[in-house]
Amino acid sequence: MNGGAQPCRLVDQNGFTVATRGRGFSEITRDVAELVAASGVQTGIAQVFTAHTSCSLLICENADPSVRGDLERWMARVVPDGDPMFRHDAEGPDDMPAHIRSILGGVSLAVPVGGGRLRLGTWQGIYLWEHRTHPHQRQVTVTVLGC
């Protein structure tokens, strides 16, 4: 219940495409923020989702790019390309590692909305993390729920 204020609603889902350059990070904060602003929701939540099995979504430090570089180096150590343990390599040595990295990173986020905008911290940004070595077109869906 919202105490008789503006009626709560589900705003239609919207989305956008991220053209990645291959393995690495693409900041999508502005794209998500624009969809939230256009929704008219003042208080609620933005659910961000990508329907892919070899990229992730995350909220990360956005001021110092070395943080993202460190994440990439850590992930390369934890899930190396071409590990002989992996049987699934139909699309190359980065195929199974990309799937594992996607599972570890996750494909959806929930971000609070307040005052009609994303309620991210000062140094937070929303990123799509491409785990394949070659460029891809990634679809991102944003669903805004609220009042």
C-alpha atoms as a PDB file:
ATOM      1  CA  MET A   1       0.000   0.000   0.000  1.00  0.00           C
ATOM      2  CA  ASN A   2       1.218   3.487  -0.704  1.00  0.00           C
ATOM      3  CA  GLY A   3      -1.177   5.467   1.484  1.00  0.00           C
ATOM      4  CA  GLY A   4      -3.254   6.928  -1.336  1.00  0.00           C
ATOM      5  CA  ALA A   5      -0.317   8.598  -3.080  1.00  0.00           C
ATOM      6  CA  GLN A   6       0.515   8.064  -6.731  1.00  0.00           C
ATOM      7  CA  PRO A   7      -0.649   4.582  -7.844  1.00  0.00           C
ATOM      8  CA  CYS A   8       2.051   1.925  -8.047  1.00  0.00           C
ATOM      9  CA  ARG A   9       2.648   0.302 -11.407  1.00  0.00           C
ATOM     10  CA  LEU A  10       4.880  -1.858 -13.522  1.00  0.00           C
ATOM     11  CA  VAL A  11       6.404   0.251 -16.226  1.00  0.00           C
ATOM     12  CA  ASP A  12       6.794  -1.587 -19.508  1.00  0.00           C
ATOM     13  CA  GLN A  13      10.138  -3.225 -20.000  1.00  0.00           C
ATOM     14  CA  ASN A  14      12.633  -1.443 -22.183  1.00  0.00           C
ATOM     15  CA  GLY A  15      16.055  -2.400 -23.354  1.00  0.00           C
ATOM     16  CA  PHE A  16      19.147  -1.538 -25.287  1.00  0.00           C
ATOM     17  CA  THR A  17      22.048  -3.223 -27.044  1.00  0.00           C
ATOM     18  CA  VAL A  18      25.647  -3.127 -25.860  1.00  0.00           C
ATOM     19  CA  ALA A  19      28.273  -3.613 -28.570  1.00  0.00           C
ATOM     20  CA  THR A  20      31.231  -5.071 -26.709  1.00  0.00           C
ATOM     21  CA  ARG A  21      34.802  -4.924 -27.946  1.00  0.00           C
ATOM     22  CA  GLY A  22      35.512  -8.391 -26.614  1.00  0.00           C
ATOM     23  CA  ARG A  23      36.547  -9.298 -23.105  1.00  0.00           C
ATOM     24  CA  GLY A  24      36.223  -6.363 -20.740  1.00  0.00           C
ATOM     25  CA  PHE A  25      33.787  -3.889 -19.248  1.00  0.00           C
ATOM     26  CA  SER A  26      31.190  -1.597 -20.823  1.00  0.00           C
ATOM     27  CA  GLU A  27      29.638   0.973 -18.489  1.00  0.00           C
ATOM     28  CA  ILE A  28      25.858   1.060 -18.914  1.00  0.00           C
ATOM     29  CA  THR A  29      24.902   3.320 -15.991  1.00  0.00           C
ATOM     30  CA  ARG A  30      23.712   6.160 -18.237  1.00  0.00           C
ATOM     31  CA  ASP A  31      21.600   3.825 -20.413  1.00  0.00           C
ATOM     32  CA  VAL A  32      19.865   2.339 -17.357  1.00  0.00           C
ATOM     33  CA  ALA A  33      19.425   5.773 -15.734  1.00  0.00           C
ATOM     34  CA  GLU A  34      17.758   7.149 -18.885  1.00  0.00           C
ATOM     35  CA  LEU A  35      15.216   4.310 -18.903  1.00  0.00           C
ATOM     36  CA  VAL A  36      14.494   4.845 -15.205  1.00  0.00           C
ATOM     37  CA  ALA A  37      13.964   8.585 -15.740  1.00  0.00           C
ATOM     38  CA  ALA A  38      11.698   7.957 -18.738  1.00  0.00           C
ATOM     39  CA  SER A  39       9.581   5.519 -16.707  1.00  0.00           C
ATOM     40  CA  GLY A  40       8.253   8.245 -14.416  1.00  0.00           C
ATOM     41  CA  VAL A  41       8.750   6.016 -11.360  1.00  0.00           C
ATOM     42  CA  GLN A  42       9.816   8.061  -8.328  1.00  0.00           C
ATOM     43  CA  THR A  43      10.308   5.266  -5.782  1.00  0.00           C
ATOM     44  CA  GLY A  44      10.873   1.641  -6.645  1.00  0.00           C
ATOM     45  CA  ILE A  45      13.381  -0.682  -8.160  1.00  0.00           C
ATOM     46  CA  ALA A  46      15.094  -1.123 -11.514  1.00  0.00           C
ATOM     47  CA  GLN A  47      15.738  -4.741 -12.401  1.00  0.00           C
ATOM     48  CA  VAL A  48      18.494  -5.072 -15.029  1.00  0.00           C
ATOM     49  CA  PHE A  49      18.904  -8.363 -16.918  1.00  0.00           C
ATOM     50  CA  THR A  50      20.939  -9.720 -19.807  1.00  0.00           C
ATOM     51  CA  ALA A  51      19.769 -12.872 -21.595  1.00  0.00           C
ATOM     52  CA  HIS A  52      23.231 -14.217 -22.353  1.00  0.00           C
ATOM     53  CA  THR A  53      25.350 -17.003 -20.855  1.00  0.00           C
ATOM     54  CA  SER A  54      28.801 -15.527 -21.440  1.00  0.00           C
ATOM     55  CA  CYS A  55      28.633 -12.027 -19.975  1.00  0.00           C
ATOM     56  CA  SER A  56      27.738 -10.613 -16.557  1.00  0.00           C
ATOM     57  CA  LEU A  57      26.190  -7.530 -15.020  1.00  0.00           C
ATOM     58  CA  LEU A  58      27.720  -5.920 -11.963  1.00  0.00           C
ATOM     59  CA  ILE A  59      27.888  -2.808  -9.861  1.00  0.00           C
ATOM     60  CA  CYS A  60      31.505  -1.779  -9.511  1.00  0.00           C
ATOM     61  CA  GLU A  61      33.825   1.081  -8.611  1.00  0.00           C
ATOM     62  CA  ASN A  62      33.559   3.615 -11.444  1.00  0.00           C
ATOM     63  CA  ALA A  63      36.327   6.123 -10.647  1.00  0.00           C
ATOM     64  CA  ASP A  64      39.474   4.025 -10.953  1.00  0.00           C
ATOM     65  CA  PRO A  65      39.671   1.711 -13.998  1.00  0.00           C
ATOM     66  CA  SER A  66      42.434  -0.306 -12.324  1.00  0.00           C
ATOM     67  CA  VAL A  67      39.706  -1.919 -10.189  1.00  0.00           C
ATOM     68  CA  ARG A  68      38.146  -3.447 -13.299  1.00  0.00           C
ATOM     69  CA  GLY A  69      41.577  -4.457 -14.587  1.00  0.00           C
ATOM     70  CA  ASP A  70      42.291  -6.187 -11.287  1.00  0.00           C
ATOM     71  CA  LEU A  71      38.947  -8.011 -11.516  1.00  0.00           C
ATOM     72  CA  GLU A  72      39.794  -9.186 -15.027  1.00  0.00           C
ATOM     73  CA  ARG A  73      43.219 -10.458 -13.933  1.00  0.00           C
ATOM     74  CA  TRP A  74      41.720 -12.227 -10.902  1.00  0.00           C
ATOM     75  CA  MET A  75      39.067 -13.908 -13.047  1.00  0.00           C
ATOM     76  CA  ALA A  76      41.721 -15.025 -15.567  1.00  0.00           C
ATOM     77  CA  ARG A  77      43.570 -16.734 -12.725  1.00  0.00           C
ATOM     78  CA  VAL A  78      40.447 -18.378 -11.283  1.00  0.00           C
ATOM     79  CA  VAL A  79      38.915 -19.454 -14.624  1.00  0.00           C
ATOM     80  CA  PRO A  80      41.674 -19.603 -17.267  1.00  0.00           C
ATOM     81  CA  ASP A  81      40.956 -19.984 -20.959  1.00  0.00           C
ATOM     82  CA  GLY A  82      41.853 -23.348 -22.456  1.00  0.00           C
ATOM     83  CA  ASP A  83      41.935 -25.258 -19.174  1.00  0.00           C
ATOM     84  CA  PRO A  84      42.092 -28.963 -20.164  1.00  0.00           C
ATOM     85  CA  MET A  85      39.520 -29.727 -17.443  1.00  0.00           C
ATOM     86  CA  PHE A  86      36.771 -28.220 -19.647  1.00  0.00           C
ATOM     87  CA  ARG A  87      35.074 -30.425 -22.231  1.00  0.00           C
ATOM     88  CA  HIS A  88      32.774 -27.721 -23.595  1.00  0.00           C
ATOM     89  CA  ASP A  89      34.914 -25.813 -26.099  1.00  0.00           C
ATOM     90  CA  ALA A  90      32.669 -25.741 -29.178  1.00  0.00           C
ATOM     91  CA  GLU A  91      33.361 -22.036 -29.765  1.00  0.00           C
ATOM     92  CA  GLY A  92      36.999 -21.984 -28.694  1.00  0.00           C
ATOM     93  CA  PRO A  93      39.143 -22.014 -25.566  1.00  0.00           C
ATOM     94  CA  ASP A  94      37.204 -19.110 -23.989  1.00  0.00           C
ATOM     95  CA  ASP A  95      33.815 -20.856 -24.365  1.00  0.00           C
ATOM     96  CA  MET A  96      33.422 -22.725 -21.069  1.00  0.00           C
ATOM     97  CA  PRO A  97      35.408 -20.164 -19.063  1.00  0.00           C
ATOM     98  CA  ALA A  98      32.972 -17.472 -20.299  1.00  0.00           C
ATOM     99  CA  HIS A  99      30.013 -19.524 -19.037  1.00  0.00           C
ATOM    100  CA  ILE A 100      31.602 -20.028 -15.622  1.00  0.00           C
ATOM    101  CA  ARG A 101      32.517 -16.330 -15.386  1.00  0.00           C
ATOM    102  CA  SER A 102      28.921 -15.420 -16.232  1.00  0.00           C
ATOM    103  CA  ILE A 103      27.607 -17.681 -13.484  1.00  0.00           C
ATOM    104  CA  LEU A 104      30.054 -16.195 -10.969  1.00  0.00           C
ATOM    105  CA  GLY A 105      29.212 -12.621 -11.971  1.00  0.00           C
ATOM    106  CA  GLY A 106      25.480 -13.033 -12.471  1.00  0.00           C
ATOM    107  CA  VAL A 107      23.164 -11.841 -15.224  1.00  0.00           C
ATOM    108  CA  SER A 108      20.786  -9.610 -13.253  1.00  0.00           C
ATOM    109  CA  LEU A 109      20.856  -6.729 -10.791  1.00  0.00           C
ATOM    110  CA  ALA A 110      18.282  -4.928  -8.685  1.00  0.00           C
ATOM    111  CA  VAL A 111      18.985  -1.222  -8.140  1.00  0.00           C
ATOM    112  CA  PRO A 112      16.857   1.009  -5.888  1.00  0.00           C
ATOM    113  CA  VAL A 113      15.114   4.002  -7.440  1.00  0.00           C
ATOM    114  CA  GLY A 114      14.459   7.115  -5.350  1.00  0.00           C
ATOM    115  CA  GLY A 115      13.572  10.625  -6.406  1.00  0.00           C
ATOM    116  CA  GLY A 116      13.110   9.325  -9.942  1.00  0.00           C
ATOM    117  CA  ARG A 117      16.739   8.207 -10.306  1.00  0.00           C
ATOM    118  CA  LEU A 118      19.047   5.309  -9.570  1.00  0.00           C
ATOM    119  CA  ARG A 119      20.192   5.285  -5.940  1.00  0.00           C
ATOM    120  CA  LEU A 120      23.783   4.248  -6.620  1.00  0.00           C
ATOM    121  CA  GLY A 121      26.641   5.181  -4.315  1.00  0.00           C
ATOM    122  CA  THR A 122      29.066   7.956  -5.213  1.00  0.00           C
ATOM    123  CA  TRP A 123      31.638   5.633  -6.761  1.00  0.00           C
ATOM    124  CA  GLN A 124      29.292   2.981  -8.175  1.00  0.00           C
ATOM    125  CA  GLY A 125      28.579   2.294 -11.827  1.00  0.00           C
ATOM    126  CA  ILE A 126      26.644  -0.433 -13.625  1.00  0.00           C
ATOM    127  CA  TYR A 127      28.712  -2.516 -16.029  1.00  0.00           C
ATOM    128  CA  LEU A 128      28.234  -5.262 -18.549  1.00  0.00           C
ATOM    129  CA  TRP A 129      31.278  -7.533 -18.267  1.00  0.00           C
ATOM    130  CA  GLU A 130      31.969  -9.357 -21.530  1.00  0.00           C
ATOM    131  CA  HIS A 131      33.665 -12.704 -20.946  1.00  0.00           C
ATOM    132  CA  ARG A 132      34.255 -13.754 -24.570  1.00  0.00           C
ATOM    133  CA  THR A 133      37.433 -12.645 -26.324  1.00  0.00           C
ATOM    134  CA  HIS A 134      35.594 -11.528 -29.475  1.00  0.00           C
ATOM    135  CA  PRO A 135      33.095  -8.637 -29.789  1.00  0.00           C
ATOM    136  CA  HIS A 136      29.399  -9.386 -29.268  1.00  0.00           C
ATOM    137  CA  GLN A 137      26.049  -7.605 -29.370  1.00  0.00           C
ATOM    138  CA  ARG A 138      24.498  -7.992 -25.909  1.00  0.00           C
ATOM    139  CA  GLN A 139      20.871  -7.250 -25.102  1.00  0.00           C
ATOM    140  CA  VAL A 140      20.012  -5.666 -21.771  1.00  0.00           C
ATOM    141  CA  THR A 141      16.436  -5.465 -20.445  1.00  0.00           C
ATOM    142  CA  VAL A 142      15.451  -2.978 -17.735  1.00  0.00           C
ATOM    143  CA  THR A 143      12.186  -3.430 -15.846  1.00  0.00           C
ATOM    144  CA  VAL A 144      11.163  -0.559 -13.550  1.00  0.00           C
ATOM    145  CA  LEU A 145       8.681  -1.261 -10.757  1.00  0.00           C
ATOM    146  CA  GLY A 146       7.367   1.371  -8.416  1.00  0.00           C
ATOM    147  CA  CYS A 147       5.248   4.416  -7.741  1.00  0.00           C
END
